[in-house]
Amino acid sequence: MIVRLIDAFIEVYIILIIVYSLGSWFPQFTENSFFDFLAKIIEPPLEVIRRVVPPVAGLDLSPAVLIFILVVLQHILR
């Protein structure tokens, strides 16, 4: 039961990472409270990853790395 709950949480978090990443490309999206909420819950782990994986040719790969880590965690839990 708890594994299913963690799995569902990870799924939702992955979707939020994708929404946050895509939304960051559009300035009008970043100027609202929903984006501020996403930044508060998604930026902390991204900042940790950015210290280890710097941007490549100006492209921030930290969201992809975080999603990869979460998917691996999901497979371990299953």
PDB file of N, CA and C in Angstrom:
ATOM      1  N   MET A   1       0.817  -1.196   0.000  1.00  0.00           N
ATOM      2  CA  MET A   1       0.000   0.000   0.000  1.00  0.00           C
ATOM      3  C   MET A   1       0.866   1.267   0.000  1.00  0.00           C
ATOM      4  N   ILE A   2       1.863   1.303   0.884  1.00  0.00           N
ATOM      5  CA  ILE A   2       2.713   2.490   0.958  1.00  0.00           C
ATOM      6  C   ILE A   2       3.574   2.626  -0.297  1.00  0.00           C
ATOM      7  N   VAL A   3       3.944   1.487  -0.890  1.00  0.00           N
ATOM      8  CA  VAL A   3       4.737   1.526  -2.124  1.00  0.00           C
ATOM      9  C   VAL A   3       3.912   2.144  -3.244  1.00  0.00           C
ATOM     10  N   ARG A   4       2.635   1.811  -3.315  1.00  0.00           N
ATOM     11  CA  ARG A   4       1.760   2.396  -4.344  1.00  0.00           C
ATOM     12  C   ARG A   4       1.600   3.896  -4.138  1.00  0.00           C
ATOM     13  N   LEU A   5       1.531   4.308  -2.890  1.00  0.00           N
ATOM     14  CA  LEU A   5       1.414   5.731  -2.582  1.00  0.00           C
ATOM     15  C   LEU A   5       2.679   6.484  -3.001  1.00  0.00           C
ATOM     16  N   ILE A   6       3.834   5.925  -2.700  1.00  0.00           N
ATOM     17  CA  ILE A   6       5.105   6.534  -3.104  1.00  0.00           C
ATOM     18  C   ILE A   6       5.212   6.572  -4.623  1.00  0.00           C
ATOM     19  N   ASP A   7       4.793   5.488  -5.278  1.00  0.00           N
ATOM     20  CA  ASP A   7       4.817   5.427  -6.739  1.00  0.00           C
ATOM     21  C   ASP A   7       3.933   6.519  -7.342  1.00  0.00           C
ATOM     22  N   ALA A   8       2.743   6.703  -6.789  1.00  0.00           N
ATOM     23  CA  ALA A   8       1.832   7.746  -7.280  1.00  0.00           C
ATOM     24  C   ALA A   8       2.427   9.133  -7.051  1.00  0.00           C
ATOM     25  N   PHE A   9       3.050   9.338  -5.899  1.00  0.00           N
ATOM     26  CA  PHE A   9       3.690  10.616  -5.608  1.00  0.00           C
ATOM     27  C   PHE A   9       4.790  10.909  -6.628  1.00  0.00           C
ATOM     28  N   ILE A  10       5.591   9.902  -6.934  1.00  0.00           N
ATOM     29  CA  ILE A  10       6.676  10.078  -7.908  1.00  0.00           C
ATOM     30  C   ILE A  10       6.105  10.423  -9.278  1.00  0.00           C
ATOM     31  N   GLU A  11       5.020   9.750  -9.679  1.00  0.00           N
ATOM     32  CA  GLU A  11       4.389  10.042 -10.973  1.00  0.00           C
ATOM     33  C   GLU A  11       3.939  11.501 -11.047  1.00  0.00           C
ATOM     34  N   VAL A  12       3.266  11.964 -10.004  1.00  0.00           N
ATOM     35  CA  VAL A  12       2.795  13.349  -9.974  1.00  0.00           C
ATOM     36  C   VAL A  12       3.980  14.310  -9.992  1.00  0.00           C
ATOM     37  N   TYR A  13       5.018  14.000  -9.247  1.00  0.00           N
ATOM     38  CA  TYR A  13       6.194  14.862  -9.186  1.00  0.00           C
ATOM     39  C   TYR A  13       6.878  14.950 -10.553  1.00  0.00           C
ATOM     40  N   ILE A  14       6.942  13.844 -11.269  1.00  0.00           N
ATOM     41  CA  ILE A  14       7.529  13.850 -12.616  1.00  0.00           C
ATOM     42  C   ILE A  14       6.719  14.755 -13.536  1.00  0.00           C
ATOM     43  N   ILE A  15       5.407  14.667 -13.458  1.00  0.00           N
ATOM     44  CA  ILE A  15       4.551  15.528 -14.283  1.00  0.00           C
ATOM     45  C   ILE A  15       4.783  16.993 -13.929  1.00  0.00           C
ATOM     46  N   LEU A  16       4.907  17.294 -12.643  1.00  0.00           N
ATOM     47  CA  LEU A  16       5.159  18.675 -12.225  1.00  0.00           C
ATOM     48  C   LEU A  16       6.519  19.172 -12.712  1.00  0.00           C
ATOM     49  N   ILE A  17       7.509  18.307 -12.733  1.00  0.00           N
ATOM     50  CA  ILE A  17       8.829  18.685 -13.265  1.00  0.00           C
ATOM     51  C   ILE A  17       8.705  19.051 -14.739  1.00  0.00           C
ATOM     52  N   ILE A  18       7.962  18.256 -15.489  1.00  0.00           N
ATOM     53  CA  ILE A  18       7.779  18.521 -16.923  1.00  0.00           C
ATOM     54  C   ILE A  18       7.038  19.838 -17.125  1.00  0.00           C
ATOM     55  N   VAL A  19       5.963  20.054 -16.374  1.00  0.00           N
ATOM     56  CA  VAL A  19       5.204  21.308 -16.486  1.00  0.00           C
ATOM     57  C   VAL A  19       6.098  22.498 -16.136  1.00  0.00           C
ATOM     58  N   TYR A  20       6.870  22.368 -15.070  1.00  0.00           N
ATOM     59  CA  TYR A  20       7.773  23.443 -14.647  1.00  0.00           C
ATOM     60  C   TYR A  20       8.828  23.729 -15.717  1.00  0.00           C
ATOM     61  N   SER A  21       9.399  22.674 -16.277  1.00  0.00           N
ATOM     62  CA  SER A  21      10.445  22.843 -17.292  1.00  0.00           C
ATOM     63  C   SER A  21       9.898  23.498 -18.552  1.00  0.00           C
ATOM     64  N   LEU A  22       8.759  23.036 -19.012  1.00  0.00           N
ATOM     65  CA  LEU A  22       8.160  23.631 -20.209  1.00  0.00           C
ATOM     66  C   LEU A  22       7.694  25.057 -19.935  1.00  0.00           C
ATOM     67  N   GLY A  23       7.124  25.279 -18.768  1.00  0.00           N
ATOM     68  CA  GLY A  23       6.645  26.613 -18.420  1.00  0.00           C
ATOM     69  C   GLY A  23       7.754  27.635 -18.304  1.00  0.00           C
ATOM     70  N   SER A  24       8.941  27.192 -17.958  1.00  0.00           N
ATOM     71  CA  SER A  24      10.057  28.130 -17.813  1.00  0.00           C
ATOM     72  C   SER A  24      10.465  28.750 -19.147  1.00  0.00           C
ATOM     73  N   TRP A  25      10.027  28.168 -20.237  1.00  0.00           N
ATOM     74  CA  TRP A  25      10.330  28.725 -21.558  1.00  0.00           C
ATOM     75  C   TRP A  25       9.424  29.899 -21.907  1.00  0.00           C
ATOM     76  N   PHE A  26       8.329  30.081 -21.171  1.00  0.00           N
ATOM     77  CA  PHE A  26       7.343  31.113 -21.483  1.00  0.00           C
ATOM     78  C   PHE A  26       7.253  32.108 -20.327  1.00  0.00           C
ATOM     79  N   PRO A  27       7.741  33.332 -20.540  1.00  0.00           N
ATOM     80  CA  PRO A  27       7.770  34.322 -19.452  1.00  0.00           C
ATOM     81  C   PRO A  27       6.397  34.586 -18.834  1.00  0.00           C
ATOM     82  N   GLN A  28       5.337  34.584 -19.632  1.00  0.00           N
ATOM     83  CA  GLN A  28       4.011  34.855 -19.084  1.00  0.00           C
ATOM     84  C   GLN A  28       3.561  33.755 -18.119  1.00  0.00           C
ATOM     85  N   PHE A  29       4.066  32.551 -18.295  1.00  0.00           N
ATOM     86  CA  PHE A  29       3.714  31.449 -17.396  1.00  0.00           C
ATOM     87  C   PHE A  29       4.427  31.579 -16.051  1.00  0.00           C
ATOM     88  N   THR A  30       5.628  32.135 -16.073  1.00  0.00           N
ATOM     89  CA  THR A  30       6.429  32.213 -14.845  1.00  0.00           C
ATOM     90  C   THR A  30       5.966  33.313 -13.898  1.00  0.00           C
ATOM     91  N   GLU A  31       5.031  34.134 -14.330  1.00  0.00           N
ATOM     92  CA  GLU A  31       4.592  35.268 -13.516  1.00  0.00           C
ATOM     93  C   GLU A  31       3.270  35.002 -12.806  1.00  0.00           C
ATOM     94  N   ASN A  32       3.097  33.801 -12.258  1.00  0.00           N
ATOM     95  CA  ASN A  32       1.883  33.530 -11.498  1.00  0.00           C
ATOM     96  C   ASN A  32       2.196  32.672 -10.279  1.00  0.00           C
ATOM     97  N   SER A  33       1.232  32.566  -9.393  1.00  0.00           N
ATOM     98  CA  SER A  33       1.461  31.876  -8.120  1.00  0.00           C
ATOM     99  C   SER A  33       1.650  30.372  -8.298  1.00  0.00           C
ATOM    100  N   PHE A  34       1.034  29.782  -9.333  1.00  0.00           N
ATOM    101  CA  PHE A  34       1.212  28.347  -9.561  1.00  0.00           C
ATOM    102  C   PHE A  34       2.670  28.044  -9.897  1.00  0.00           C
ATOM    103  N   PHE A  35       3.271  28.873 -10.744  1.00  0.00           N
ATOM    104  CA  PHE A  35       4.677  28.669 -11.091  1.00  0.00           C
ATOM    105  C   PHE A  35       5.570  28.885  -9.869  1.00  0.00           C
ATOM    106  N   ASP A  36       5.222  29.847  -9.034  1.00  0.00           N
ATOM    107  CA  ASP A  36       5.982  30.062  -7.792  1.00  0.00           C
ATOM    108  C   ASP A  36       5.915  28.829  -6.896  1.00  0.00           C
ATOM    109  N   PHE A  37       4.729  28.230  -6.813  1.00  0.00           N
ATOM    110  CA  PHE A  37       4.565  27.000  -6.035  1.00  0.00           C
ATOM    111  C   PHE A  37       5.434  25.885  -6.609  1.00  0.00           C
ATOM    112  N   LEU A  38       5.403  25.730  -7.939  1.00  0.00           N
ATOM    113  CA  LEU A  38       6.229  24.699  -8.577  1.00  0.00           C
ATOM    114  C   LEU A  38       7.709  24.942  -8.304  1.00  0.00           C
ATOM    115  N   ALA A  39       8.122  26.187  -8.384  1.00  0.00           N
ATOM    116  CA  ALA A  39       9.535  26.513  -8.137  1.00  0.00           C
ATOM    117  C   ALA A  39       9.947  26.124  -6.719  1.00  0.00           C
ATOM    118  N   LYS A  40       9.070  26.338  -5.756  1.00  0.00           N
ATOM    119  CA  LYS A  40       9.403  26.020  -4.365  1.00  0.00           C
ATOM    120  C   LYS A  40       9.569  24.527  -4.136  1.00  0.00           C
ATOM    121  N   ILE A  41       8.830  23.700  -4.877  1.00  0.00           N
ATOM    122  CA  ILE A  41       8.927  22.258  -4.635  1.00  0.00           C
ATOM    123  C   ILE A  41       9.873  21.546  -5.596  1.00  0.00           C
ATOM    124  N   ILE A  42      10.210  22.185  -6.716  1.00  0.00           N
ATOM    125  CA  ILE A  42      11.037  21.507  -7.712  1.00  0.00           C
ATOM    126  C   ILE A  42      12.467  22.036  -7.748  1.00  0.00           C
ATOM    127  N   GLU A  43      12.663  23.310  -7.489  1.00  0.00           N
ATOM    128  CA  GLU A  43      14.010  23.883  -7.570  1.00  0.00           C
ATOM    129  C   GLU A  43      15.022  23.291  -6.583  1.00  0.00           C
ATOM    130  N   PRO A  44      14.662  22.996  -5.334  1.00  0.00           N
ATOM    131  CA  PRO A  44      15.689  22.467  -4.413  1.00  0.00           C
ATOM    132  C   PRO A  44      16.425  21.229  -4.934  1.00  0.00           C
ATOM    133  N   PRO A  45      15.733  20.172  -5.404  1.00  0.00           N
ATOM    134  CA  PRO A  45      16.507  19.040  -5.932  1.00  0.00           C
ATOM    135  C   PRO A  45      17.236  19.383  -7.233  1.00  0.00           C
ATOM    136  N   LEU A  46      16.662  20.280  -8.034  1.00  0.00           N
ATOM    137  CA  LEU A  46      17.342  20.666  -9.276  1.00  0.00           C
ATOM    138  C   LEU A  46      18.649  21.397  -8.974  1.00  0.00           C
ATOM    139  N   GLU A  47      18.655  22.222  -7.933  1.00  0.00           N
ATOM    140  CA  GLU A  47      19.877  22.945  -7.566  1.00  0.00           C
ATOM    141  C   GLU A  47      20.986  21.986  -7.152  1.00  0.00           C
ATOM    142  N   VAL A  48      20.621  20.931  -6.436  1.00  0.00           N
ATOM    143  CA  VAL A  48      21.615  19.925  -6.038  1.00  0.00           C
ATOM    144  C   VAL A  48      22.198  19.255  -7.277  1.00  0.00           C
ATOM    145  N   ILE A  49      21.342  18.901  -8.216  1.00  0.00           N
ATOM    146  CA  ILE A  49      21.805  18.237  -9.444  1.00  0.00           C
ATOM    147  C   ILE A  49      22.656  19.186 -10.277  1.00  0.00           C
ATOM    148  N   ARG A  50      22.293  20.466 -10.320  1.00  0.00           N
ATOM    149  CA  ARG A  50      23.067  21.445 -11.102  1.00  0.00           C
ATOM    150  C   ARG A  50      24.499  21.586 -10.587  1.00  0.00           C
ATOM    151  N   ARG A  51      24.713  21.341  -9.298  1.00  0.00           N
ATOM    152  CA  ARG A  51      26.074  21.399  -8.756  1.00  0.00           C
ATOM    153  C   ARG A  51      26.932  20.271  -9.307  1.00  0.00           C
ATOM    154  N   VAL A  52      26.296  19.149  -9.635  1.00  0.00           N
ATOM    155  CA  VAL A  52      27.017  17.975 -10.137  1.00  0.00           C
ATOM    156  C   VAL A  52      27.037  17.952 -11.660  1.00  0.00           C
ATOM    157  N   VAL A  53      25.913  18.331 -12.283  1.00  0.00           N
ATOM    158  CA  VAL A  53      25.784  18.295 -13.746  1.00  0.00           C
ATOM    159  C   VAL A  53      25.576  19.728 -14.238  1.00  0.00           C
ATOM    160  N   PRO A  54      26.639  20.384 -14.675  1.00  0.00           N
ATOM    161  CA  PRO A  54      26.486  21.758 -15.167  1.00  0.00           C
ATOM    162  C   PRO A  54      25.771  21.784 -16.518  1.00  0.00           C
ATOM    163  N   PRO A  55      25.233  22.939 -16.900  1.00  0.00           N
ATOM    164  CA  PRO A  55      24.586  23.042 -18.213  1.00  0.00           C
ATOM    165  C   PRO A  55      25.552  22.692 -19.343  1.00  0.00           C
ATOM    166  N   VAL A  56      25.027  22.043 -20.356  1.00  0.00           N
ATOM    167  CA  VAL A  56      25.816  21.648 -21.522  1.00  0.00           C
ATOM    168  C   VAL A  56      25.385  22.536 -22.683  1.00  0.00           C
ATOM    169  N   ALA A  57      26.289  23.343 -23.184  1.00  0.00           N
ATOM    170  CA  ALA A  57      26.012  24.271 -24.287  1.00  0.00           C
ATOM    171  C   ALA A  57      24.785  25.129 -23.982  1.00  0.00           C
ATOM    172  N   GLY A  58      24.663  25.565 -22.727  1.00  0.00           N
ATOM    173  CA  GLY A  58      23.548  26.414 -22.332  1.00  0.00           C
ATOM    174  C   GLY A  58      22.260  25.668 -22.040  1.00  0.00           C
ATOM    175  N   LEU A  59      22.280  24.351 -22.137  1.00  0.00           N
ATOM    176  CA  LEU A  59      21.081  23.542 -21.909  1.00  0.00           C
ATOM    177  C   LEU A  59      21.143  22.925 -20.512  1.00  0.00           C
ATOM    178  N   ASP A  60      20.141  23.225 -19.698  1.00  0.00           N
ATOM    179  CA  ASP A  60      20.072  22.697 -18.332  1.00  0.00           C
ATOM    180  C   ASP A  60      19.491  21.283 -18.371  1.00  0.00           C
ATOM    181  N   LEU A  61      20.315  20.315 -18.049  1.00  0.00           N
ATOM    182  CA  LEU A  61      19.888  18.915 -18.088  1.00  0.00           C
ATOM    183  C   LEU A  61      19.370  18.416 -16.740  1.00  0.00           C
ATOM    184  N   SER A  62      19.371  19.266 -15.730  1.00  0.00           N
ATOM    185  CA  SER A  62      18.981  18.814 -14.394  1.00  0.00           C
ATOM    186  C   SER A  62      17.556  18.256 -14.318  1.00  0.00           C
ATOM    187  N   PRO A  63      16.561  18.810 -15.028  1.00  0.00           N
ATOM    188  CA  PRO A  63      15.235  18.179 -14.975  1.00  0.00           C
ATOM    189  C   PRO A  63      15.242  16.752 -15.536  1.00  0.00           C
ATOM    190  N   ALA A  64      15.966  16.535 -16.620  1.00  0.00           N
ATOM    191  CA  ALA A  64      16.039  15.190 -17.201  1.00  0.00           C
ATOM    192  C   ALA A  64      16.749  14.229 -16.251  1.00  0.00           C
ATOM    193  N   VAL A  65      17.799  14.699 -15.598  1.00  0.00           N
ATOM    194  CA  VAL A  65      18.524  13.856 -14.641  1.00  0.00           C
ATOM    195  C   VAL A  65      17.624  13.515 -13.457  1.00  0.00           C
ATOM    196  N   LEU A  66      16.885  14.493 -12.958  1.00  0.00           N
ATOM    197  CA  LEU A  66      15.980  14.245 -11.835  1.00  0.00           C
ATOM    198  C   LEU A  66      14.885  13.252 -12.221  1.00  0.00           C
ATOM    199  N   ILE A  67      14.327  13.405 -13.406  1.00  0.00           N
ATOM    200  CA  ILE A  67      13.308  12.455 -13.869  1.00  0.00           C
ATOM    201  C   ILE A  67      13.908  11.062 -13.985  1.00  0.00           C
ATOM    202  N   PHE A  68      15.117  10.958 -14.516  1.00  0.00           N
ATOM    203  CA  PHE A  68      15.784   9.655 -14.629  1.00  0.00           C
ATOM    204  C   PHE A  68      15.956   9.013 -13.249  1.00  0.00           C
ATOM    205  N   ILE A  69      16.405   9.791 -12.284  1.00  0.00           N
ATOM    206  CA  ILE A  69      16.594   9.277 -10.921  1.00  0.00           C
ATOM    207  C   ILE A  69      15.263   8.792 -10.338  1.00  0.00           C
ATOM    208  N   LEU A  70      14.208   9.564 -10.557  1.00  0.00           N
ATOM    209  CA  LEU A  70      12.900   9.175 -10.027  1.00  0.00           C
ATOM    210  C   LEU A  70      12.364   7.910 -10.691  1.00  0.00           C
ATOM    211  N   VAL A  71      12.578   7.772 -11.995  1.00  0.00           N
ATOM    212  CA  VAL A  71      12.132   6.561 -12.697  1.00  0.00           C
ATOM    213  C   VAL A  71      12.903   5.343 -12.194  1.00  0.00           C
ATOM    214  N   VAL A  72      14.202   5.490 -11.993  1.00  0.00           N
ATOM    215  CA  VAL A  72      14.997   4.385 -11.439  1.00  0.00           C
ATOM    216  C   VAL A  72      14.476   4.023 -10.048  1.00  0.00           C
ATOM    217  N   LEU A  73      14.177   5.020  -9.239  1.00  0.00           N
ATOM    218  CA  LEU A  73      13.626   4.776  -7.911  1.00  0.00           C
ATOM    219  C   LEU A  73      12.293   4.028  -7.994  1.00  0.00           C
ATOM    220  N   GLN A  74      11.465   4.410  -8.953  1.00  0.00           N
ATOM    221  CA  GLN A  74      10.195   3.701  -9.145  1.00  0.00           C
ATOM    222  C   GLN A  74      10.426   2.231  -9.463  1.00  0.00           C
ATOM    223  N   HIS A  75      11.361   1.957 -10.342  1.00  0.00           N
ATOM    224  CA  HIS A  75      11.633   0.566 -10.718  1.00  0.00           C
ATOM    225  C   HIS A  75      12.199  -0.229  -9.545  1.00  0.00           C
ATOM    226  N   ILE A  76      12.976   0.412  -8.706  1.00  0.00           N
ATOM    227  CA  ILE A  76      13.504  -0.266  -7.519  1.00  0.00           C
ATOM    228  C   ILE A  76      12.363  -0.606  -6.554  1.00  0.00           C
ATOM    229  N   LEU A  77      11.416   0.313  -6.405  1.00  0.00           N
ATOM    230  CA  LEU A  77      10.295   0.087  -5.495  1.00  0.00           C
ATOM    231  C   LEU A  77       9.343  -0.999  -5.981  1.00  0.00           C
ATOM    232  N   ARG A  78       9.262  -1.167  -7.288  1.00  0.00           N
ATOM    233  CA  ARG A  78       8.342  -2.170  -7.838  1.00  0.00           C
ATOM    234  C   ARG A  78       9.005  -3.494  -7.739  1.00  0.00           C
TER     235      ARG A  78
END
